[in-house]
N, C-alpha and C. Protein backbone atom coordinates (compact mmCIF):
# COMPACT_ATOMS: atom_id res chain seq x y z
N MET A 1 36.67 -60.33 -12.59
CA MET A 1 36.13 -60.30 -13.94
C MET A 1 36.12 -61.73 -14.48
N LYS A 2 34.97 -62.17 -14.94
CA LYS A 2 34.86 -63.51 -15.50
C LYS A 2 35.27 -63.51 -16.96
N ARG A 3 36.03 -64.55 -17.32
CA ARG A 3 36.42 -64.72 -18.72
C ARG A 3 35.40 -65.61 -19.40
N ASN A 4 35.15 -65.33 -20.64
CA ASN A 4 34.30 -66.21 -21.44
C ASN A 4 35.17 -67.31 -22.01
N PHE A 5 34.69 -68.52 -21.94
CA PHE A 5 35.41 -69.65 -22.51
C PHE A 5 34.42 -70.72 -22.89
N THR A 6 34.88 -71.62 -23.71
CA THR A 6 34.05 -72.72 -24.16
C THR A 6 34.65 -74.03 -23.68
N VAL A 7 33.82 -74.86 -23.09
CA VAL A 7 34.26 -76.19 -22.68
C VAL A 7 33.86 -77.16 -23.77
N ARG A 8 34.82 -77.89 -24.27
CA ARG A 8 34.56 -78.86 -25.34
C ARG A 8 33.51 -79.87 -24.87
N GLN A 9 32.55 -80.16 -25.73
CA GLN A 9 31.50 -81.12 -25.38
C GLN A 9 32.12 -82.45 -24.98
N GLY A 10 31.68 -82.98 -23.86
CA GLY A 10 32.18 -84.25 -23.37
C GLY A 10 33.39 -84.13 -22.46
N ALA A 11 34.00 -82.95 -22.40
CA ALA A 11 35.22 -82.78 -21.62
C ALA A 11 35.01 -83.02 -20.13
N LEU A 12 33.81 -82.78 -19.66
CA LEU A 12 33.52 -82.92 -18.23
C LEU A 12 32.70 -84.15 -17.91
N ASP A 13 32.52 -85.03 -18.88
CA ASP A 13 31.68 -86.23 -18.66
C ASP A 13 32.16 -87.06 -17.49
N GLY A 14 33.46 -87.27 -17.38
CA GLY A 14 33.99 -88.08 -16.30
C GLY A 14 33.75 -87.45 -14.94
N VAL A 15 33.90 -86.14 -14.88
CA VAL A 15 33.66 -85.42 -13.63
C VAL A 15 32.18 -85.47 -13.28
N GLU A 16 31.32 -85.27 -14.25
CA GLU A 16 29.88 -85.33 -14.00
C GLU A 16 29.47 -86.72 -13.54
N ALA A 17 30.00 -87.75 -14.18
CA ALA A 17 29.71 -89.13 -13.78
C ALA A 17 30.21 -89.38 -12.36
N PHE A 18 31.42 -88.94 -12.07
CA PHE A 18 31.97 -89.09 -10.72
C PHE A 18 31.08 -88.43 -9.68
N LEU A 19 30.68 -87.19 -9.94
CA LEU A 19 29.85 -86.47 -8.98
C LEU A 19 28.50 -87.16 -8.76
N SER A 20 27.93 -87.69 -9.81
CA SER A 20 26.64 -88.37 -9.67
C SER A 20 26.79 -89.67 -8.88
N VAL A 21 27.83 -90.44 -9.16
CA VAL A 21 28.06 -91.67 -8.40
C VAL A 21 28.35 -91.32 -6.93
N ALA A 22 29.14 -90.29 -6.70
CA ALA A 22 29.45 -89.88 -5.33
C ALA A 22 28.18 -89.47 -4.58
N GLN A 23 27.27 -88.82 -5.28
CA GLN A 23 26.01 -88.40 -4.65
C GLN A 23 25.11 -89.59 -4.34
N HIS A 24 24.93 -90.47 -5.32
CA HIS A 24 24.00 -91.59 -5.18
C HIS A 24 24.61 -92.82 -4.52
N ARG A 25 25.96 -92.90 -4.54
CA ARG A 25 26.67 -94.08 -4.04
C ARG A 25 26.20 -95.35 -4.75
N ASN A 26 25.87 -95.16 -6.06
CA ASN A 26 25.32 -96.27 -6.84
C ASN A 26 25.47 -95.94 -8.32
N PHE A 27 26.09 -96.82 -9.08
CA PHE A 27 26.31 -96.58 -10.51
C PHE A 27 25.00 -96.58 -11.29
N ARG A 28 24.09 -97.47 -10.95
CA ARG A 28 22.82 -97.56 -11.66
C ARG A 28 21.97 -96.29 -11.45
N LYS A 29 21.91 -95.80 -10.22
CA LYS A 29 21.15 -94.58 -9.94
C LYS A 29 21.81 -93.36 -10.59
N ALA A 30 23.13 -93.34 -10.61
CA ALA A 30 23.85 -92.25 -11.27
C ALA A 30 23.54 -92.26 -12.77
N ALA A 31 23.50 -93.44 -13.36
CA ALA A 31 23.19 -93.57 -14.79
C ALA A 31 21.78 -93.06 -15.07
N ALA A 32 20.83 -93.44 -14.24
CA ALA A 32 19.45 -92.99 -14.43
C ALA A 32 19.37 -91.47 -14.29
N ASP A 33 20.10 -90.91 -13.34
CA ASP A 33 20.13 -89.47 -13.12
C ASP A 33 20.65 -88.73 -14.35
N LEU A 34 21.63 -89.30 -15.02
CA LEU A 34 22.24 -88.65 -16.18
C LEU A 34 21.70 -89.16 -17.51
N ALA A 35 20.72 -90.05 -17.44
CA ALA A 35 20.07 -90.60 -18.63
C ALA A 35 21.06 -91.28 -19.58
N VAL A 36 21.94 -92.08 -18.99
CA VAL A 36 22.89 -92.89 -19.76
C VAL A 36 22.88 -94.29 -19.17
N THR A 37 23.63 -95.19 -19.78
CA THR A 37 23.69 -96.57 -19.28
C THR A 37 24.68 -96.67 -18.12
N PRO A 38 24.49 -97.65 -17.24
CA PRO A 38 25.47 -97.86 -16.18
C PRO A 38 26.88 -98.12 -16.72
N SER A 39 26.98 -98.80 -17.85
CA SER A 39 28.30 -99.05 -18.42
C SER A 39 28.96 -97.76 -18.89
N ALA A 40 28.18 -96.79 -19.36
CA ALA A 40 28.74 -95.49 -19.75
C ALA A 40 29.28 -94.75 -18.53
N ILE A 41 28.57 -94.84 -17.42
CA ILE A 41 29.03 -94.22 -16.17
C ILE A 41 30.32 -94.89 -15.72
N SER A 42 30.33 -96.20 -15.74
CA SER A 42 31.50 -96.95 -15.31
C SER A 42 32.72 -96.61 -16.16
N GLN A 43 32.53 -96.55 -17.46
CA GLN A 43 33.63 -96.22 -18.37
C GLN A 43 34.14 -94.80 -18.13
N ALA A 44 33.22 -93.85 -17.95
CA ALA A 44 33.62 -92.47 -17.71
C ALA A 44 34.43 -92.34 -16.42
N VAL A 45 33.99 -93.04 -15.38
CA VAL A 45 34.71 -93.01 -14.10
C VAL A 45 36.07 -93.69 -14.24
N ARG A 46 36.13 -94.83 -14.93
CA ARG A 46 37.41 -95.52 -15.13
C ARG A 46 38.40 -94.63 -15.90
N THR A 47 37.90 -93.94 -16.91
CA THR A 47 38.76 -93.03 -17.69
C THR A 47 39.27 -91.90 -16.81
N LEU A 48 38.40 -91.33 -16.00
CA LEU A 48 38.81 -90.26 -15.09
C LEU A 48 39.85 -90.77 -14.10
N GLU A 49 39.61 -91.94 -13.53
CA GLU A 49 40.57 -92.52 -12.59
C GLU A 49 41.92 -92.77 -13.27
N SER A 50 41.89 -93.20 -14.50
CA SER A 50 43.13 -93.43 -15.25
C SER A 50 43.88 -92.13 -15.46
N ARG A 51 43.15 -91.09 -15.83
CA ARG A 51 43.79 -89.78 -16.04
C ARG A 51 44.38 -89.22 -14.75
N LEU A 52 43.69 -89.45 -13.65
CA LEU A 52 44.17 -88.96 -12.35
C LEU A 52 45.24 -89.86 -11.75
N GLY A 53 45.30 -91.10 -12.21
CA GLY A 53 46.27 -92.04 -11.68
C GLY A 53 45.93 -92.54 -10.28
N ALA A 54 44.64 -92.54 -9.97
CA ALA A 54 44.22 -92.98 -8.63
C ALA A 54 42.79 -93.48 -8.67
N ALA A 55 42.49 -94.45 -7.81
CA ALA A 55 41.12 -94.92 -7.67
C ALA A 55 40.32 -93.90 -6.86
N LEU A 56 39.12 -93.61 -7.32
CA LEU A 56 38.25 -92.65 -6.62
C LEU A 56 37.19 -93.35 -5.78
N PHE A 57 36.87 -94.59 -6.15
CA PHE A 57 35.83 -95.34 -5.47
C PHE A 57 36.35 -96.68 -4.97
N ILE A 58 35.78 -97.13 -3.86
CA ILE A 58 35.93 -98.49 -3.39
C ILE A 58 34.66 -99.20 -3.85
N ARG A 59 34.80 -100.17 -4.72
CA ARG A 59 33.65 -100.86 -5.29
C ARG A 59 33.55 -102.27 -4.72
N THR A 60 32.37 -102.61 -4.26
CA THR A 60 32.08 -103.99 -3.89
C THR A 60 30.81 -104.39 -4.65
N THR A 61 30.42 -105.62 -4.53
CA THR A 61 29.21 -106.05 -5.25
C THR A 61 27.96 -105.39 -4.69
N ARG A 62 28.02 -104.90 -3.47
CA ARG A 62 26.83 -104.33 -2.84
C ARG A 62 26.92 -102.84 -2.54
N SER A 63 28.10 -102.25 -2.64
CA SER A 63 28.19 -100.84 -2.28
C SER A 63 29.31 -100.13 -3.03
N VAL A 64 29.21 -98.82 -3.01
CA VAL A 64 30.23 -97.95 -3.62
C VAL A 64 30.57 -96.89 -2.57
N GLY A 65 31.84 -96.75 -2.28
CA GLY A 65 32.28 -95.72 -1.34
C GLY A 65 33.44 -94.96 -1.94
N LEU A 66 33.71 -93.80 -1.38
CA LEU A 66 34.82 -92.98 -1.86
C LEU A 66 36.12 -93.38 -1.16
N THR A 67 37.19 -93.39 -1.93
CA THR A 67 38.52 -93.54 -1.35
C THR A 67 38.91 -92.20 -0.74
N GLU A 68 40.03 -92.16 -0.06
CA GLU A 68 40.51 -90.89 0.48
C GLU A 68 40.77 -89.89 -0.66
N VAL A 69 41.35 -90.37 -1.74
CA VAL A 69 41.57 -89.52 -2.92
C VAL A 69 40.22 -89.05 -3.48
N GLY A 70 39.25 -89.96 -3.52
CA GLY A 70 37.92 -89.61 -4.00
C GLY A 70 37.27 -88.53 -3.16
N GLU A 71 37.43 -88.60 -1.85
CA GLU A 71 36.89 -87.57 -0.95
C GLU A 71 37.53 -86.22 -1.23
N ARG A 72 38.85 -86.21 -1.41
CA ARG A 72 39.54 -84.95 -1.69
C ARG A 72 39.13 -84.40 -3.06
N PHE A 73 39.04 -85.30 -4.04
CA PHE A 73 38.63 -84.86 -5.38
C PHE A 73 37.21 -84.29 -5.34
N LEU A 74 36.31 -84.95 -4.61
CA LEU A 74 34.93 -84.48 -4.50
C LEU A 74 34.87 -83.08 -3.90
N SER A 75 35.66 -82.83 -2.87
CA SER A 75 35.62 -81.53 -2.20
C SER A 75 36.07 -80.40 -3.12
N ARG A 76 36.88 -80.72 -4.12
CA ARG A 76 37.34 -79.69 -5.06
C ARG A 76 36.52 -79.67 -6.35
N ALA A 77 36.14 -80.85 -6.82
CA ALA A 77 35.46 -80.93 -8.11
C ALA A 77 34.01 -80.42 -8.05
N LYS A 78 33.32 -80.70 -6.96
CA LYS A 78 31.91 -80.32 -6.88
C LYS A 78 31.72 -78.81 -7.01
N PRO A 79 32.40 -77.98 -6.21
CA PRO A 79 32.19 -76.54 -6.38
C PRO A 79 32.68 -76.02 -7.73
N ALA A 80 33.77 -76.59 -8.24
CA ALA A 80 34.27 -76.16 -9.55
C ALA A 80 33.28 -76.50 -10.65
N PHE A 81 32.71 -77.71 -10.61
CA PHE A 81 31.75 -78.14 -11.63
C PHE A 81 30.50 -77.27 -11.56
N GLU A 82 30.02 -77.00 -10.35
CA GLU A 82 28.82 -76.17 -10.18
C GLU A 82 29.05 -74.76 -10.72
N GLU A 83 30.27 -74.27 -10.59
CA GLU A 83 30.60 -72.94 -11.11
C GLU A 83 30.56 -72.92 -12.65
N LEU A 84 30.92 -74.05 -13.26
CA LEU A 84 30.99 -74.12 -14.72
C LEU A 84 29.64 -74.36 -15.39
N VAL A 85 28.75 -75.06 -14.72
CA VAL A 85 27.48 -75.42 -15.37
C VAL A 85 26.29 -74.67 -14.85
């Protein structure tokens, strides 16, 4: 039996930003996908990483990759997020 609940607006922004960056492997493309600025994506991901206490991405000037923690988080967050939205 499914329970009805309300998710506070903005509560999943960091997760949505993370999932988009993980999909595109690019902050700029993730921002375009979500119709926000790259700095908004970066801030949302930094906030999520701070809350989790772990880096989710390996960032270089030319590429973005997932850390081991990021891979584990992706495997759990993606199906959960899809269930919610």
